[in-house]
Protein backbone atom coordinates (compact mmCIF):
# COMPACT_ATOMS: atom_id res chain seq x y z
CA MET A 1 85.19 51.01 164.90
CA GLN A 2 85.05 50.17 168.57
CA LYS A 3 88.41 49.84 170.27
CA GLN A 4 89.29 46.38 171.54
CA VAL A 5 91.11 46.53 174.85
CA SER A 6 91.05 42.83 175.80
CA ARG A 7 93.80 41.79 173.40
CA VAL A 8 95.92 38.72 174.13
CA ILE A 9 99.07 37.84 172.21
CA VAL A 10 100.35 34.26 172.49
CA ILE A 11 103.99 33.77 171.48
CA GLY A 12 104.48 30.29 170.06
CA ALA A 13 102.03 27.74 168.66
CA GLY A 14 103.01 24.78 170.80
CA VAL A 15 100.25 22.70 172.36
CA GLY A 16 100.38 24.78 175.56
CA GLY A 17 100.15 28.09 173.74
CA LEU A 18 97.37 26.95 171.42
CA THR A 19 95.29 25.45 174.23
CA THR A 20 95.54 28.71 176.17
CA ALA A 21 94.69 30.69 173.03
CA ALA A 22 91.62 28.60 172.20
CA LEU A 23 90.28 28.77 175.76
CA LEU A 24 90.71 32.55 175.86
CA ALA A 25 89.13 33.00 172.42
CA GLN A 26 86.17 30.93 173.62
CA ALA A 27 85.89 33.23 176.65
CA GLY A 28 85.60 36.24 174.34
CA TYR A 29 89.12 37.64 174.16
CA GLN A 30 90.71 38.86 170.97
CA VAL A 31 93.54 36.36 170.60
CA THR A 32 96.43 36.33 168.15
CA VAL A 33 99.08 33.59 168.11
CA LEU A 34 102.48 34.46 166.62
CA GLU A 35 104.43 31.42 165.41
CA ALA A 36 107.91 31.51 163.85
CA GLN A 37 107.46 28.27 161.89
CA THR A 38 105.11 27.62 158.97
CA TYR A 39 103.20 24.96 160.92
CA PRO A 40 102.00 24.58 164.53
CA GLY A 41 103.01 22.24 167.33
CA GLY A 42 106.54 23.25 168.33
CA SER A 43 108.25 20.23 169.89
CA ALA A 44 105.05 18.22 169.30
CA SER A 45 104.69 19.00 165.61
CA THR A 46 104.76 16.96 162.42
CA PHE A 47 106.78 18.14 159.41
CA PHE A 48 106.96 17.04 155.77
CA HIS A 49 110.05 15.72 153.98
CA LYS A 50 110.21 13.73 150.73
CA GLY A 51 106.75 12.25 151.16
CA TYR A 52 107.16 11.50 154.88
CA ARG A 53 105.40 13.11 157.83
CA PHE A 54 107.97 13.03 160.62
CA GLU A 55 107.46 13.86 164.28
CA SER A 56 109.61 16.82 165.39
CA GLY A 57 109.98 15.47 168.91
CA ALA A 58 107.14 13.89 170.88
CA THR A 59 105.86 10.67 169.28
CA VAL A 60 103.41 9.15 171.78
CA ALA A 61 100.53 10.89 173.50
CA GLY A 62 98.62 10.14 176.67
CA GLY A 63 96.06 12.05 178.69
CA PHE A 64 93.01 11.03 176.63
CA GLN A 65 91.52 8.82 179.35
CA PRO A 66 88.47 10.00 181.38
CA ASN A 67 89.65 12.94 183.51
CA GLY A 68 92.85 13.10 181.44
CA PRO A 69 94.08 16.57 180.45
CA HIS A 70 93.26 16.20 176.75
CA THR A 71 89.80 14.91 177.57
CA VAL A 72 89.20 17.85 179.91
CA ALA A 73 90.39 20.29 177.23
CA ALA A 74 88.18 18.62 174.61
CA GLN A 75 85.15 18.97 176.87
CA LEU A 76 85.92 22.64 177.56
CA LEU A 77 86.41 23.44 173.87
CA ASP A 78 83.87 21.01 172.36
CA ILE A 79 86.41 19.34 170.07
CA GLN A 80 87.13 15.78 168.98
CA TRP A 81 90.66 14.45 168.89
CA GLN A 82 91.51 12.21 165.94
CA VAL A 83 93.35 9.56 167.95
CA HIS A 84 93.60 5.78 168.10
CA GLN A 85 94.70 3.88 171.18
CA HIS A 86 97.39 1.23 170.81
CA ASP A 87 98.39 -1.56 173.17
CA PRO A 88 101.13 -2.33 174.06
CA ALA A 89 102.13 1.27 174.62
CA TRP A 90 105.70 0.24 173.82
CA VAL A 91 108.16 -2.60 174.36
CA VAL A 92 111.13 -2.07 176.66
CA HIS A 93 114.24 -3.98 175.61
CA LEU A 94 116.58 -4.55 178.55
CA PRO A 95 119.91 -6.42 178.32
CA ASP A 96 118.35 -9.70 179.48
CA ARG A 97 114.61 -9.37 178.83
CA SER A 98 111.94 -7.53 176.86
CA VAL A 99 108.85 -6.15 178.57
CA GLU A 100 105.56 -5.14 176.97
CA LEU A 101 103.93 -2.13 178.62
CA CYS A 102 100.21 -2.85 178.36
CA GLN A 103 97.19 -1.42 180.12
CA ASP A 104 96.77 -4.54 182.21
CA ASN A 105 100.45 -4.34 183.32
CA GLN A 106 100.63 -8.14 183.28
CA ASP A 107 103.88 -8.49 181.38
CA VAL A 108 105.60 -6.05 183.74
CA LEU A 109 104.45 -8.11 186.72
CA ALA A 110 105.60 -11.32 185.02
CA LYS A 111 109.04 -9.97 184.14
CA PHE A 112 109.54 -8.29 187.54
CA PRO A 113 108.02 -10.66 190.12
CA GLY A 114 107.66 -9.22 193.59
CA THR A 115 106.71 -5.73 192.40
CA GLU A 116 102.92 -6.19 192.71
CA ALA A 117 102.62 -4.08 195.88
CA PHE A 118 104.60 -1.25 194.30
CA TRP A 119 102.37 -1.14 191.22
CA HIS A 120 99.20 -1.36 193.29
CA GLU A 121 100.35 1.66 195.29
CA GLN A 122 101.45 3.49 192.14
CA SER A 123 98.04 2.98 190.54
CA ARG A 124 96.21 4.20 193.63
CA ILE A 125 98.34 7.36 193.91
CA ALA A 126 98.07 8.10 190.18
CA ALA A 127 94.28 7.69 190.18
CA LEU A 128 93.95 10.26 192.95
CA ALA A 129 96.41 12.61 191.22
CA TRP A 130 94.48 12.41 187.93
CA ARG A 131 91.22 13.09 189.74
CA MET A 132 92.70 16.11 191.52
CA SER A 133 94.27 17.50 188.35
CA ALA A 134 90.95 17.29 186.52
CA GLN A 135 89.46 19.52 189.24
CA GLY A 136 92.14 22.14 188.66
CA LEU A 137 95.52 22.06 190.34
CA PRO A 138 97.22 25.50 190.33
CA PHE A 139 100.54 24.44 191.82
CA PRO A 140 102.47 26.17 193.20
CA PRO A 141 99.75 28.71 194.08
CA ARG A 142 100.77 32.31 193.46
CA ASP A 143 97.84 34.34 194.79
CA MET A 144 94.86 33.99 197.10
CA ALA A 145 92.54 32.82 194.31
CA GLU A 146 94.87 29.95 193.39
CA LEU A 147 95.43 29.08 197.04
CA LEU A 148 91.67 28.87 197.61
CA GLN A 149 91.25 26.74 194.49
CA LEU A 150 94.00 24.39 195.68
CA ALA A 151 92.40 24.18 199.14
CA LYS A 152 89.04 23.38 197.56
CA VAL A 153 90.57 20.50 195.61
CA GLY A 154 92.21 19.23 198.79
CA VAL A 155 88.99 19.39 200.80
CA SER A 156 87.02 17.60 198.07
CA ASN A 157 89.51 14.70 198.14
CA PHE A 158 89.94 14.54 201.93
CA PRO A 159 91.01 12.29 203.59
CA ALA A 160 92.39 10.30 200.64
CA ASP A 161 94.86 13.03 199.75
CA LEU A 162 96.50 12.75 203.19
CA LYS A 163 97.94 9.43 202.03
CA LEU A 164 99.96 11.34 199.43
CA LEU A 165 101.92 13.40 201.96
CA PRO A 166 104.85 10.98 202.47
CA PHE A 167 105.37 10.82 198.71
CA ALA A 168 105.43 14.61 198.36
CA PHE A 169 108.68 14.70 200.34
CA ALA A 170 110.37 11.59 198.91
CA SER A 171 112.05 10.43 195.72
CA VAL A 172 111.05 7.37 193.70
CA LYS A 173 114.30 5.79 194.94
CA ASN A 174 113.13 6.30 198.55
CA TRP A 175 109.83 4.72 197.61
CA LEU A 176 111.59 1.65 196.17
CA GLN A 177 113.60 1.31 199.35
CA TRP A 178 110.42 1.47 201.46
CA ARG A 179 109.04 -1.47 199.47
CA GLY A 180 112.23 -3.54 199.60
CA LEU A 181 113.04 -3.01 195.91
CA GLY A 182 115.98 -0.64 196.25
CA ASN A 183 118.56 -3.34 195.44
CA ASP A 184 116.77 -4.67 192.36
CA ALA A 185 119.10 -3.27 189.70
CA ALA A 186 117.02 -4.43 186.73
CA PHE A 187 113.73 -3.00 188.05
CA THR A 188 115.43 0.24 189.07
CA ARG A 189 116.95 0.66 185.59
CA PHE A 190 113.58 -0.10 184.03
CA LEU A 191 112.01 2.72 186.07
CA ASP A 192 114.98 5.02 185.50
CA ALA A 193 114.50 4.79 181.75
CA ALA A 194 110.74 5.29 181.97
CA LEU A 195 111.12 8.35 184.17
CA LEU A 196 113.86 9.84 182.00
CA ILE A 197 111.36 10.25 179.15
CA SER A 198 108.43 11.33 181.34
CA ALA A 199 110.07 13.34 184.15
CA GLN A 200 113.54 14.15 182.72
CA ALA A 201 115.38 12.47 185.62
CA ALA A 202 115.96 9.05 187.19
CA THR A 203 114.65 7.41 190.37
CA PRO A 204 117.10 9.02 192.83
CA HIS A 205 115.93 12.46 191.78
CA VAL A 206 112.28 12.30 190.65
CA ASN A 207 109.68 13.26 193.23
CA ALA A 208 107.69 10.15 194.19
CA LEU A 209 104.28 11.77 193.84
CA TYR A 210 105.08 13.08 190.36
CA GLY A 211 106.77 9.79 189.49
CA ALA A 212 103.70 7.74 190.37
CA THR A 213 101.68 9.73 187.84
CA ALA A 214 104.46 9.69 185.22
CA LEU A 215 104.65 5.89 185.46
CA ASP A 216 100.92 5.64 184.81
CA LEU A 217 101.09 6.49 181.11
CA ALA A 218 100.87 2.95 179.70
CA GLN A 219 98.08 1.93 182.08
CA GLN A 220 96.00 4.99 181.19
CA GLY A 221 96.47 4.38 177.48
CA VAL A 222 98.81 5.62 174.77
CA TYR A 223 97.47 6.97 171.50
CA HIS A 224 98.45 7.55 167.89
CA VAL A 225 97.27 10.83 166.39
CA GLU A 226 96.04 10.60 162.80
CA GLY A 227 98.61 12.13 160.47
CA GLY A 228 101.17 12.47 163.26
CA ILE A 229 101.26 14.08 166.69
CA GLY A 230 101.06 17.50 165.06
CA GLY A 231 97.36 16.73 164.61
CA ILE A 232 96.79 17.83 168.23
CA ALA A 233 98.04 21.33 167.40
CA GLU A 234 96.21 21.36 164.06
CA THR A 235 92.91 20.55 165.80
CA LEU A 236 93.52 23.42 168.24
CA VAL A 237 94.33 25.83 165.40
CA GLU A 238 91.08 24.93 163.66
CA LYS A 239 89.12 25.51 166.87
CA LEU A 240 90.94 28.78 167.55
CA ARG A 241 89.94 30.08 164.13
CA ASP A 242 86.35 28.90 164.55
CA LEU A 243 86.23 30.95 167.75
CA GLY A 244 87.44 34.10 166.00
CA GLY A 245 91.07 33.84 167.06
CA GLU A 246 93.98 34.18 164.69
CA ILE A 247 97.33 32.49 164.11
CA ARG A 248 100.08 34.17 162.11
CA TYR A 249 102.93 32.01 160.88
CA ARG A 250 106.51 33.07 160.06
CA GLN A 251 106.31 35.69 162.80
CA HIS A 252 109.65 35.83 164.65
CA VAL A 253 109.05 37.75 167.85
CA THR A 254 112.12 39.92 168.45
CA ARG A 255 111.25 41.71 171.69
CA ILE A 256 108.52 42.37 174.20
CA GLN A 257 107.71 45.98 174.99
CA VAL A 258 107.29 46.93 178.64
CA GLU A 259 106.11 50.35 179.85
CA GLN A 260 105.76 51.28 183.51
CA GLY A 261 106.10 47.66 184.56
CA ARG A 262 103.45 46.26 182.19
CA VAL A 263 103.68 44.63 178.78
CA THR A 264 102.11 46.76 176.05
CA GLY A 265 102.84 44.57 173.05
CA VAL A 266 105.43 42.63 171.09
CA TYR A 267 107.58 43.27 168.04
CA ALA A 268 107.91 40.64 165.34
CA LYS A 269 109.54 40.14 161.96
CA GLN A 270 107.95 38.13 159.15
CA GLY A 271 110.50 35.48 158.28
CA ARG A 272 114.12 35.11 159.30
CA ARG A 273 115.70 37.40 156.73
CA THR A 274 113.61 40.56 156.87
CA SER A 275 114.65 43.43 159.11
CA GLN A 276 111.31 45.26 159.20
CA GLU A 277 109.30 44.82 162.38
CA GLN A 278 105.61 45.03 163.16
CA PHE A 279 104.25 46.00 166.55
CA PHE A 280 101.38 43.92 167.96
CA PRO A 281 99.66 45.80 170.81
CA ALA A 282 98.52 43.63 173.70
CA ASP A 283 96.81 43.90 177.05
CA PHE A 284 98.18 40.51 178.06
CA VAL A 285 100.94 38.28 176.66
CA VAL A 286 101.29 34.52 177.12
CA ALA A 287 104.72 33.20 176.14
CA ASN A 288 105.05 29.54 175.12
CA LEU A 289 108.81 29.82 175.73
CA THR A 290 111.59 28.78 178.06
CA PRO A 291 112.58 31.27 180.78
CA TRP A 292 115.87 31.89 178.91
CA SER A 293 114.05 32.89 175.73
CA LEU A 294 111.63 35.08 177.65
CA ASP A 295 114.50 36.86 179.40
CA LYS A 296 116.12 37.55 176.03
CA LEU A 297 112.92 39.02 174.55
CA LEU A 298 112.42 41.31 177.53
CA GLN A 299 115.96 42.68 177.17
CA ASP A 300 116.63 45.43 179.76
CA GLU A 301 113.07 45.15 181.11
CA SER A 302 113.52 41.57 182.30
CA PRO A 303 112.59 41.41 186.01
CA ARG A 304 115.46 40.74 188.40
CA GLY A 305 113.87 37.51 189.55
CA LEU A 306 113.77 36.18 185.99
CA GLN A 307 117.36 37.28 185.39
CA ARG A 308 118.50 35.45 188.53
CA GLU A 309 116.52 32.37 187.50
CA VAL A 310 118.15 31.98 184.10
CA GLN A 311 121.59 32.53 185.63
CA ARG A 312 121.19 29.87 188.33
CA ARG A 313 119.12 27.22 186.51
CA THR A 314 120.97 24.27 185.06
CA ALA A 315 120.32 23.68 181.37
CA THR A 316 117.74 21.01 180.68
CA TRP A 317 118.26 17.98 178.46
CA GLY A 318 118.46 18.14 174.71
CA ALA A 319 117.75 15.38 172.21
CA PHE A 320 119.66 13.70 169.43
CA VAL A 321 117.03 12.55 166.94
CA LEU A 322 117.04 10.36 163.86
CA HIS A 323 114.23 10.72 161.33
CA LEU A 324 114.30 7.56 159.24
CA GLY A 325 112.47 6.18 156.27
CA ILE A 326 112.32 2.38 156.41
CA GLN A 327 111.14 -0.32 154.03
CA ALA A 328 108.16 -1.88 155.78
CA ASP A 329 108.45 -5.42 154.37
CA LYS A 330 111.97 -5.82 155.79
CA LEU A 331 110.72 -5.55 159.37
CA PRO A 332 109.57 -8.53 161.46
CA PRO A 333 105.82 -9.18 160.99
CA ASN A 334 103.35 -7.69 163.51
CA ILE A 335 106.06 -5.70 165.24
CA PRO A 336 104.80 -3.12 167.79
CA ASP A 337 105.12 0.52 166.77
CA HIS A 338 107.09 1.81 169.78
CA HIS A 339 110.24 0.53 171.47
CA GLN A 340 112.54 1.68 174.25
CA ILE A 341 116.03 0.24 174.21
CA ILE A 342 118.26 0.14 177.30
CA THR A 343 121.71 -1.19 176.45
CA SER A 344 123.14 -1.61 179.98
CA TYR A 345 122.12 -1.94 183.61
CA THR A 346 124.93 0.37 184.72
CA GLY A 347 126.42 3.70 183.69
CA ALA A 348 124.89 6.93 182.50
CA MET A 349 121.71 7.03 180.47
CA GLY A 350 121.05 8.96 177.29
CA GLU A 351 123.76 9.57 174.67
CA GLY A 352 122.61 6.50 172.74
CA GLU A 353 122.73 4.16 175.76
CA THR A 354 118.95 4.53 176.14
CA LEU A 355 116.75 5.45 173.22
CA PHE A 356 113.12 5.56 172.16
CA LEU A 357 111.88 4.49 168.72
CA SER A 358 108.48 5.19 167.17
CA MET A 359 107.24 3.92 163.80
CA SER A 360 104.25 5.30 161.98
CA PRO A 361 101.35 2.83 162.22
CA THR A 362 100.66 0.72 159.15
CA TRP A 363 97.04 1.97 159.03
CA ASP A 364 98.12 5.62 158.67
CA THR A 365 99.18 5.72 155.03
CA SER A 366 99.48 9.53 155.15
CA ARG A 367 102.74 9.26 157.09
CA ALA A 368 105.02 7.70 154.45
CA PRO A 369 105.30 6.72 150.76
CA ALA A 370 103.84 3.38 149.75
CA GLY A 371 105.77 0.48 151.23
CA GLN A 372 107.61 2.75 153.70
CA ARG A 373 107.19 3.78 157.33
CA ALA A 374 108.26 7.02 159.02
CA VAL A 375 110.43 6.44 162.09
CA THR A 376 111.62 8.81 164.81
CA VAL A 377 114.40 7.69 167.17
CA SER A 378 115.60 9.89 170.04
CA THR A 379 118.08 9.79 172.88
CA HIS A 380 118.66 12.32 175.66
CA THR A 381 121.86 14.32 175.21
CA HIS A 382 123.71 17.10 176.97
CA ILE A 383 123.28 20.21 174.85
CA GLN A 384 126.51 22.05 175.60
CA ASN A 385 128.71 19.28 174.17
CA TRP A 386 127.16 19.77 170.72
CA TRP A 387 127.58 23.54 170.76
CA ASP A 388 131.18 23.24 171.98
CA VAL A 389 132.26 20.79 169.30
CA LEU A 390 130.52 22.84 166.56
CA LYS A 391 132.36 25.96 167.70
CA GLN A 392 135.72 24.21 167.84
CA ASP A 393 135.59 22.03 164.73
CA GLU A 394 132.65 21.86 162.32
CA THR A 395 133.98 18.69 160.72
CA ALA A 396 134.11 17.01 164.14
CA TYR A 397 130.50 18.08 164.74
CA TYR A 398 129.28 16.25 161.62
CA GLU A 399 131.45 13.23 162.42
CA ARG A 400 129.87 13.12 165.88
CA LYS A 401 126.40 13.21 164.32
CA GLN A 402 127.30 10.29 162.07
CA ALA A 403 128.77 8.30 164.97
CA TYR A 404 125.61 8.80 167.06
CA ALA A 405 123.42 7.74 164.14
CA GLU A 406 125.44 4.55 163.56
CA LYS A 407 125.47 3.71 167.26
CA MET A 408 121.70 4.07 167.58
CA ILE A 409 120.87 2.12 164.41
CA THR A 410 123.20 -0.68 165.56
CA ALA A 411 121.46 -0.82 168.95
CA ILE A 412 118.06 -1.01 167.23
CA ASN A 413 119.22 -3.74 164.86
CA ALA A 414 120.28 -5.85 167.84
CA VAL A 415 116.67 -6.06 169.08
CA ILE A 416 114.82 -5.66 165.75
CA PRO A 417 116.66 -7.92 163.27
CA GLY A 418 116.82 -6.50 159.75
CA PHE A 419 116.21 -2.91 160.84
CA LYS A 420 119.55 -1.60 159.57
CA ASP A 421 118.98 -3.01 156.09
CA ALA A 422 115.46 -1.53 156.04
CA VAL A 423 116.66 2.09 156.36
CA THR A 424 116.17 4.06 153.13
CA LEU A 425 116.44 7.65 154.45
CA THR A 426 118.38 9.14 157.37
CA LEU A 427 117.97 12.65 158.81
CA PRO A 428 119.94 13.27 162.03
CA GLY A 429 119.22 16.22 164.32
CA THR A 430 121.02 17.65 167.35
CA PRO A 431 120.20 20.40 169.88
CA VAL A 432 121.67 22.80 167.30
CA THR A 433 119.01 21.59 164.85
CA TYR A 434 116.29 22.00 167.47
CA GLU A 435 117.26 25.59 168.19
CA PHE A 436 117.14 26.47 164.49
CA TYR A 437 113.68 24.99 163.87
CA THR A 438 111.93 25.50 167.22
CA LEU A 439 113.86 28.56 168.51
CA ARG A 440 114.11 26.87 171.91
CA HIS A 441 117.12 28.21 173.81
CA GLN A 442 120.17 26.13 172.83
CA GLY A 443 117.81 23.36 171.69
CA MET A 444 116.55 22.41 175.16
CA VAL A 445 113.55 20.07 175.14
CA GLY A 446 111.38 18.30 177.69
CA GLY A 447 111.18 20.89 180.45
CA PHE A 448 112.75 20.88 183.89
CA PRO A 449 113.46 17.63 185.76
CA GLN A 450 110.65 17.05 188.28
CA THR A 451 112.83 16.60 191.34
CA SER A 452 110.74 18.46 193.94
CA LEU A 453 107.16 19.69 194.07
CA PHE A 454 108.46 22.62 196.08
CA LYS A 455 110.74 23.71 193.26
CA ALA A 456 108.02 23.56 190.61
CA ARG A 457 107.80 26.64 188.41
CA SER A 458 104.56 28.61 188.20
CA PRO A 459 103.49 30.59 185.09
CA ARG A 460 104.31 33.93 186.78
CA THR A 461 107.13 36.01 185.32
CA GLY A 462 107.46 39.05 187.59
CA ILE A 463 105.38 41.18 185.20
CA ALA A 464 101.69 41.40 186.05
CA ASN A 465 100.31 40.85 182.53
CA LEU A 466 102.84 38.33 181.24
CA ARG A 467 102.69 34.56 181.76
CA LEU A 468 104.72 31.55 180.71
CA VAL A 469 103.07 28.41 179.40
CA GLY A 470 104.48 25.13 178.09
CA ASP A 471 106.86 22.55 179.51
CA SER A 472 108.76 25.04 181.69
CA ILE A 473 105.83 25.40 184.09
CA PHE A 474 104.37 22.71 186.35
CA PRO A 475 103.48 19.94 185.59
CA GLY A 476 105.91 20.23 182.71
CA GLN A 477 106.78 17.59 180.12
CA SER A 478 104.41 15.94 177.60
CA THR A 479 101.40 17.22 175.67
CA ALA A 480 99.22 16.18 178.62
CA GLY A 481 101.37 18.16 181.06
CA VAL A 482 101.44 21.33 178.99
CA THR A 483 97.67 21.08 178.49
CA LEU A 484 97.12 21.08 182.25
CA GLY A 485 99.36 24.12 182.51
CA ALA A 486 97.49 25.86 179.71
CA ILE A 487 94.12 25.40 181.41
CA ARG A 488 95.59 26.99 184.52
CA VAL A 489 97.07 29.93 182.58
CA ALA A 490 93.79 30.60 180.73
CA LYS A 491 91.97 30.84 184.07
CA ASP A 492 94.69 33.10 185.44
CA VAL A 493 94.42 35.50 182.49
CA GLN A 494 90.65 35.71 182.91
CA ARG A 495 91.05 36.66 186.57
CA HIS A 496 93.51 39.45 185.78
CA LEU A 497 92.11 40.81 182.49
CA PRO A 498 88.34 41.33 182.43
CA ILE A 499 86.76 41.52 178.99
CA GLN A 500 85.89 45.16 178.38
CA SER A 501 84.61 45.45 174.81
CA THR A 502 83.56 43.53 171.71
CA LYS A 503 85.94 42.04 169.20
CA THR A 504 87.24 43.91 166.15
CA LEU A 505 89.60 42.96 163.36
CA TYR A 506 93.11 42.88 164.81
CA GLN A 507 95.73 44.89 162.95
CA PRO A 508 99.42 45.11 163.88
CA VAL A 509 101.24 48.41 163.61
CA PRO A 510 104.08 48.50 161.02
CA ILE A 511 107.39 49.73 162.42
CA LEU A 512 109.62 51.21 159.72
CA LYS A 513 112.97 50.70 161.40
CA GLU A 514 115.61 48.04 161.71
CA SER A 515 115.27 45.26 164.23
CA GLN A 516 117.11 45.90 167.46
CA SER A 517 117.50 42.26 168.45
């Protein structure tokens, strides 16, 4: 049997990890994905419970427009996404008005008169950004090849890209002030809430260039995935297998082995309770993880730069989520599927003051029992508060969960009459829940706030044959964002690991000793 030396291990079957895996398998690498759960998708997965198919986290998907990341990936992999566009994308409920986010943007313009120039500029910037990203945008560049690729993209879009320079150094708040909108509290709050779910920060902090693209989601089109958003990952798994790649579920990676400054493989346990490890040799490892989780898996071999990063970085947001079953005939007729609720024009956001609600579409009968609809409601939350209260008083932790659930359902009922009476099933989840099911460090979700293009994180880790992928690397949040990052990482692996032999059946090496993690 001929030895295979071009072996790639991908840790985690999120959309970023699976896209990278499929692209590398198509290029001829021997690819194995190790996933701790029994299904793929990570924070963009769909799970089963009592006849419902609930979304684990992400509920709406963009990036399927021409030149969009999912369209680019589909063309590269020759796949078809099972998606259906819906319009309006969602309805925003503010204290004094409701706004439908549609592709034509007309209701936004009607409800916020005087913002036409802002939206015209936003659309122009976003169109150029989408075009540039479709050409490949390795930012920030980390070697000469990426720098040359970035320069090529810039030259091909010259001189239009020069118009982006002022926005690269400004916040969305600065942008609003330039256009005379800085004192419009309602419009600012409207944008704050939109950016919180797409860039993990509000207008004073989000980079204007990134913000222009993040605000483009509704105008580019929002889509339902058949069977739930986990269908994106399931399509990628099917393609990966067709290409000769492999995914192994219930594989809890416990540590990454490093010898002489290079990764040589990973150790994993099958299931949470077993102590026996297997060793998976690798010539390259791609980790669909947060930097904190990667640092933990590397143990004493974690590079100093990575150690400093996880010590200085502020924790990202977490999410409090309600998975609800609701009786469909108790809802108002013809109600849109997605809603964002903003309870106040002042004060902090998240913690139930702003929330996002998604209902399974009536045409997708696979998502809920007859006469029911599956609903996911989420609000941003600070993760440490949940861990602290759980440590101090477990009863108080469960009381806090119940209080958040009641607060959110009450807020929904205020804008969707009859919603509270329609609820037939309630499953609350906190960052503690997210860590248990997704293994994300402390239950962090959404990636880093996009405050500065010059603070964006690249896939590099400090180890030559180890890369990060997923929402921790630029451009970060959303299935579209992690797909762009995955395309970049797949190209990077191919530059640094030439294919040297034909594929053979991949076999891990059993390790007959106790786990050391």
